[in-house]
Amino acid sequence: MDAGEFGLDAVGILQAAKSQEVAGFVIPAVERSNWPRVAALAQQVPGAMYTLGIHPMYVNTVQPDDLALLRVQVQAALSDPKFLGIGEIGLDYFEPGLDRQVQWQIFIEQLKIAKDFDLPVIMHVRRSQDMILKGLRQIQPVSGIAHAFNGSEQQAAQFIERNICLGFGGAMTFTRALQIRRLAAQLPIEAIVLETDAPDIAPEWINHQRNDPTQLPRIAKVLAELRPELSLAAIWQATTQNVLRVLPRAQRLA
């Protein structure tokens, strides 16, 4: 929500989403330069929270002291009730030009920070689920979310075993996204959280446009359509409880 695509609209959009019964928002960081921005934005809207981390798509701009500074910033943020954990971290094996070894080193070091402070992680797992799982086997954080999950059922089971929920959002709304929709329909509802990934991964009805949290209620309806055994109210309740379980500091604002 701190992205340039929103300009001065971010607070108004979050407030509009709240009027549509979206109770909470997680605003993840992506690099050192936006850590202050996500923290400041979260302070402006009730129910907004933030995480701190280095996104794999930003590894080419990482400075030598960024990880040490992240550890300092996380320790300082522990007293902030709006602070949730470490994110968005992970690996991206789709985007060209990103050094995989550097990504791995930064990912592992951030897992260590999460482990040391007993914090959950929000992870980017594009085309990298097996390596992410390898990292989680080495350094097991308390809990977390694999955002925009698009892996196999077997990979999903391994994440779930490690108290990691799987994020479903705009991609799930495309009828051609057969694998994602199959997972959303069949995985235990206790393993699913809803997301938008604003301003990216727009749902089908605004494809190629700016995405934002006001789309979440309609995304939830798609999940309810894929799971006729559950009412929309049950979907809201379950996915909210899942967030509160894997991001426990959010319970302060629930």
Protein backbone atom coordinates (compact mmCIF):
# COMPACT_ATOMS: atom_id res chain seq x y z
CA MET A 1 0.00 0.00 0.00
CA ASP A 2 3.00 2.31 0.17
CA ALA A 3 3.69 1.71 -3.55
CA GLY A 4 3.85 4.62 -5.95
CA GLU A 5 0.76 3.37 -7.77
CA PHE A 6 -1.35 4.59 -4.84
CA GLY A 7 0.13 8.07 -4.51
CA LEU A 8 -1.87 9.87 -1.84
CA ASP A 9 -4.80 7.43 -2.12
CA ALA A 10 -3.56 4.71 0.24
CA VAL A 11 -5.28 5.85 3.45
CA GLY A 12 -8.56 6.51 1.65
CA ILE A 13 -8.48 3.08 0.02
CA LEU A 14 -7.86 1.33 3.33
CA GLN A 15 -10.71 3.27 4.91
CA ALA A 16 -12.98 2.34 1.99
CA ALA A 17 -12.08 -1.32 2.46
CA LYS A 18 -12.90 -1.06 6.18
CA SER A 19 -16.36 0.21 5.24
CA GLN A 20 -16.74 -3.05 3.29
CA GLU A 21 -15.97 -5.10 6.43
CA VAL A 22 -12.29 -5.72 5.75
CA ALA A 23 -11.15 -5.58 9.35
CA GLY A 24 -7.37 -5.74 9.00
CA PHE A 25 -4.50 -5.15 6.60
CA VAL A 26 -0.93 -6.36 6.50
CA ILE A 27 1.45 -3.92 4.81
CA PRO A 28 4.72 -5.75 4.07
CA ALA A 29 8.06 -4.06 3.49
CA VAL A 30 10.28 -4.88 0.52
CA GLU A 31 13.59 -3.06 1.12
CA ARG A 32 15.40 -0.82 3.56
CA SER A 33 14.14 2.40 1.98
CA ASN A 34 10.48 1.60 2.60
CA TRP A 35 10.69 0.33 6.18
CA PRO A 36 9.77 3.76 7.60
CA ARG A 37 6.95 4.21 5.07
CA VAL A 38 5.13 0.98 5.86
CA ALA A 39 5.40 1.66 9.58
CA ALA A 40 4.06 5.19 9.18
CA LEU A 41 1.18 4.10 6.93
CA ALA A 42 0.10 1.43 9.39
CA GLN A 43 -0.21 4.06 12.12
CA GLN A 44 -2.77 6.02 10.10
CA VAL A 45 -5.52 3.40 9.77
CA PRO A 46 -7.12 1.28 12.52
CA GLY A 47 -6.53 -2.38 11.77
CA ALA A 48 -3.48 -1.75 9.58
CA MET A 49 -0.29 -3.56 10.55
CA TYR A 50 3.15 -3.99 8.99
CA THR A 51 6.12 -6.29 8.62
CA LEU A 52 9.80 -5.56 7.98
CA GLY A 53 12.01 -7.41 5.54
CA ILE A 54 13.90 -7.56 2.24
CA HIS A 55 12.01 -8.92 -0.78
CA PRO A 56 13.93 -11.22 -3.14
CA MET A 57 13.20 -8.96 -6.10
CA TYR A 58 15.18 -6.20 -4.37
CA VAL A 59 18.36 -8.17 -3.70
CA ASN A 60 20.28 -6.24 -6.36
CA THR A 61 20.00 -3.05 -4.28
CA VAL A 62 20.87 -4.57 -0.90
CA GLN A 63 23.67 -2.77 0.95
CA PRO A 64 26.26 -4.66 3.05
CA ASP A 65 24.78 -3.51 6.35
CA ASP A 66 21.08 -3.98 5.48
CA LEU A 67 20.66 -7.28 7.33
CA ALA A 68 22.35 -5.94 10.46
CA LEU A 69 20.16 -2.86 10.30
CA LEU A 70 17.06 -5.02 9.81
CA ARG A 71 17.86 -6.86 13.03
CA VAL A 72 18.18 -3.53 14.86
CA GLN A 73 14.93 -2.22 13.34
CA VAL A 74 13.05 -5.40 14.25
CA GLN A 75 14.24 -5.26 17.85
CA ALA A 76 13.11 -1.63 18.08
CA ALA A 77 9.73 -2.46 16.48
CA LEU A 78 8.88 -5.12 19.05
CA SER A 79 7.39 -2.42 21.27
CA ASP A 80 5.09 -1.27 18.43
CA PRO A 81 1.70 -3.06 18.57
CA LYS A 82 1.34 -2.48 14.83
CA PHE A 83 4.43 -4.58 14.03
CA LEU A 84 3.70 -8.20 13.06
CA GLY A 85 6.87 -9.95 11.92
CA ILE A 86 9.36 -10.47 9.10
CA GLY A 87 8.32 -9.95 5.49
CA GLU A 88 8.13 -9.94 2.65
CA ILE A 89 11.03 -12.35 2.33
CA GLY A 90 11.65 -15.42 0.20
CA LEU A 91 12.92 -16.51 -3.19
CA ASP A 92 11.95 -15.63 -6.76
CA TYR A 93 13.12 -18.08 -9.43
CA PHE A 94 10.92 -16.58 -12.15
CA GLU A 95 12.22 -13.03 -12.61
CA PRO A 96 15.46 -12.97 -14.66
CA GLY A 97 18.57 -11.21 -13.40
CA LEU A 98 18.19 -12.04 -9.70
CA ASP A 99 21.22 -13.87 -8.26
CA ARG A 100 19.88 -17.06 -6.70
CA GLN A 101 22.79 -17.49 -4.31
CA VAL A 102 22.40 -13.94 -3.00
CA GLN A 103 18.65 -14.48 -2.66
CA TRP A 104 19.29 -17.65 -0.66
CA GLN A 105 21.76 -15.99 1.68
CA ILE A 106 19.43 -13.07 2.38
CA PHE A 107 16.46 -15.40 2.86
CA ILE A 108 18.31 -17.60 5.34
CA GLU A 109 19.58 -14.63 7.34
CA GLN A 110 16.05 -13.23 7.60
CA LEU A 111 14.74 -16.60 8.73
CA LYS A 112 17.36 -16.45 11.48
CA ILE A 113 16.10 -13.02 12.54
CA ALA A 114 12.53 -14.36 12.67
CA LYS A 115 13.68 -17.37 14.68
CA ASP A 116 15.73 -15.30 17.11
CA PHE A 117 12.81 -12.96 17.87
CA ASP A 118 10.12 -15.67 17.72
CA LEU A 119 8.34 -13.89 14.88
CA PRO A 120 6.31 -15.18 11.93
CA VAL A 121 7.34 -14.73 8.30
CA ILE A 122 5.49 -13.67 5.15
CA MET A 123 7.13 -15.31 2.17
CA HIS A 124 7.34 -14.80 -1.59
CA VAL A 125 7.60 -18.29 -3.12
CA ARG A 126 7.39 -17.78 -6.89
CA ARG A 127 8.76 -20.86 -8.70
CA SER A 128 10.80 -21.62 -5.58
CA GLN A 129 8.64 -23.70 -3.26
CA ASP A 130 11.10 -26.56 -2.83
CA MET A 131 14.00 -24.26 -1.93
CA ILE A 132 11.77 -22.30 0.45
CA LEU A 133 10.87 -25.56 2.15
CA LYS A 134 14.56 -26.44 2.36
CA GLY A 135 15.17 -23.17 4.19
CA LEU A 136 12.25 -23.82 6.52
CA ARG A 137 13.62 -27.25 7.36
CA GLN A 138 16.95 -25.65 8.28
CA ILE A 139 15.50 -22.76 10.29
CA GLN A 140 11.92 -23.27 11.43
CA PRO A 141 10.09 -20.01 12.18
CA VAL A 142 7.16 -20.12 14.56
CA SER A 143 4.58 -19.65 11.78
CA GLY A 144 3.87 -17.65 8.67
CA ILE A 145 2.25 -17.25 5.27
CA ALA A 146 3.35 -18.44 1.83
CA HIS A 147 1.81 -15.64 -0.18
CA ALA A 148 0.30 -16.14 -3.67
CA PHE A 149 0.73 -19.89 -3.36
CA ASN A 150 0.94 -21.74 -6.67
CA GLY A 151 2.67 -25.00 -5.81
CA SER A 152 1.60 -28.62 -5.77
CA GLU A 153 -0.64 -30.35 -3.27
CA GLN A 154 2.41 -32.16 -1.88
CA GLN A 155 4.28 -28.88 -1.39
CA ALA A 156 1.19 -27.35 0.20
CA ALA A 157 1.09 -30.19 2.72
CA GLN A 158 4.71 -29.54 3.71
CA PHE A 159 4.03 -25.85 4.31
CA ILE A 160 0.94 -26.67 6.36
CA GLU A 161 2.95 -29.13 8.50
CA ARG A 162 5.22 -26.20 9.42
CA ASN A 163 2.33 -23.96 10.54
CA ILE A 164 2.50 -21.92 7.34
CA CYS A 165 -0.81 -20.77 5.84
CA LEU A 166 -1.21 -20.38 2.10
CA GLY A 167 -2.33 -17.08 0.56
CA PHE A 168 -5.02 -16.99 -2.15
CA GLY A 169 -6.10 -13.83 -3.93
CA GLY A 170 -6.59 -12.44 -7.40
CA ALA A 171 -5.06 -15.38 -9.28
CA MET A 172 -7.73 -17.66 -7.82
CA THR A 173 -10.48 -15.65 -9.55
CA PHE A 174 -9.39 -16.62 -13.08
CA THR A 175 -11.35 -19.60 -14.36
CA ARG A 176 -8.30 -20.78 -16.32
CA ALA A 177 -6.20 -20.99 -13.14
CA LEU A 178 -7.16 -24.63 -12.68
CA GLN A 179 -4.40 -25.69 -10.28
CA ILE A 180 -4.81 -22.70 -7.96
CA ARG A 181 -8.59 -23.10 -7.91
CA ARG A 182 -8.28 -26.84 -7.24
CA LEU A 183 -6.02 -26.14 -4.26
CA ALA A 184 -8.35 -23.44 -2.96
CA ALA A 185 -11.26 -25.85 -3.19
CA GLN A 186 -9.56 -28.89 -1.63
CA LEU A 187 -7.00 -27.74 0.94
CA PRO A 188 -8.11 -27.59 4.59
CA ILE A 189 -9.82 -24.25 5.17
CA GLU A 190 -7.62 -23.94 8.29
CA ALA A 191 -4.64 -23.51 5.92
CA ILE A 192 -6.00 -20.67 3.77
CA VAL A 193 -5.75 -16.90 4.14
CA LEU A 194 -7.08 -14.24 1.78
CA GLU A 195 -4.93 -11.53 0.22
CA THR A 196 -4.78 -8.95 -2.54
CA ASP A 197 -1.03 -8.31 -3.02
CA ALA A 198 -1.97 -4.72 -3.88
CA PRO A 199 -1.18 -3.17 -6.28
CA ASP A 200 -0.41 -6.46 -8.08
CA ILE A 201 -2.19 -9.72 -8.98
CA ALA A 202 -5.49 -8.04 -9.77
CA PRO A 203 -8.58 -10.28 -9.90
CA GLU A 204 -10.18 -11.19 -13.21
CA TRP A 205 -12.76 -8.39 -13.14
CA ILE A 206 -10.05 -5.68 -13.05
CA ASN A 207 -7.33 -7.58 -14.90
CA HIS A 208 -4.28 -5.43 -15.71
CA GLN A 209 -5.52 -2.64 -13.43
CA ARG A 210 -4.35 -1.51 -10.01
CA ASN A 211 -5.40 -3.95 -7.31
CA ASP A 212 -6.35 -2.86 -3.77
CA PRO A 213 -7.97 -4.21 -0.57
CA THR A 214 -11.49 -3.12 -1.57
CA GLN A 215 -11.43 -6.18 -3.86
CA LEU A 216 -11.09 -8.59 -0.94
CA PRO A 217 -14.83 -9.14 -0.27
CA ARG A 218 -15.39 -10.20 -3.87
CA ILE A 219 -12.29 -12.42 -3.78
CA ALA A 220 -13.78 -14.07 -0.69
CA LYS A 221 -16.99 -14.72 -2.63
CA VAL A 222 -14.98 -16.58 -5.27
CA LEU A 223 -13.50 -18.79 -2.56
CA ALA A 224 -17.01 -19.43 -1.23
CA GLU A 225 -18.13 -20.42 -4.75
CA LEU A 226 -15.25 -22.89 -4.95
CA ARG A 227 -16.20 -24.33 -1.56
CA PRO A 228 -20.00 -24.74 -1.57
CA GLU A 229 -19.81 -26.62 1.73
CA LEU A 230 -18.95 -23.31 3.42
CA SER A 231 -20.99 -20.12 3.65
CA LEU A 232 -19.41 -16.76 2.89
CA ALA A 233 -19.63 -15.93 6.59
CA ALA A 234 -17.76 -19.14 7.41
CA ILE A 235 -15.07 -18.22 4.86
CA TRP A 236 -14.63 -14.80 6.49
CA GLN A 237 -14.48 -16.27 9.97
CA ALA A 238 -12.07 -19.10 9.12
CA THR A 239 -9.61 -17.03 7.11
CA THR A 240 -9.57 -14.31 9.75
CA GLN A 241 -8.89 -16.83 12.51
CA ASN A 242 -6.11 -18.34 10.40
CA VAL A 243 -4.41 -14.96 10.11
CA LEU A 244 -4.64 -14.42 13.85
CA ARG A 245 -3.12 -17.86 14.46
CA VAL A 246 -0.11 -17.53 12.16
CA LEU A 247 0.44 -13.79 12.78
CA PRO A 248 -0.21 -13.84 16.53
CA ARG A 249 0.73 -10.21 17.18
CA ALA A 250 -2.34 -9.28 15.09
CA GLN A 251 -4.49 -10.54 17.94
CA ARG A 252 -3.76 -7.29 19.75
CA LEU A 253 -5.77 -5.43 17.11
CA ALA A 254 -8.41 -8.05 16.44
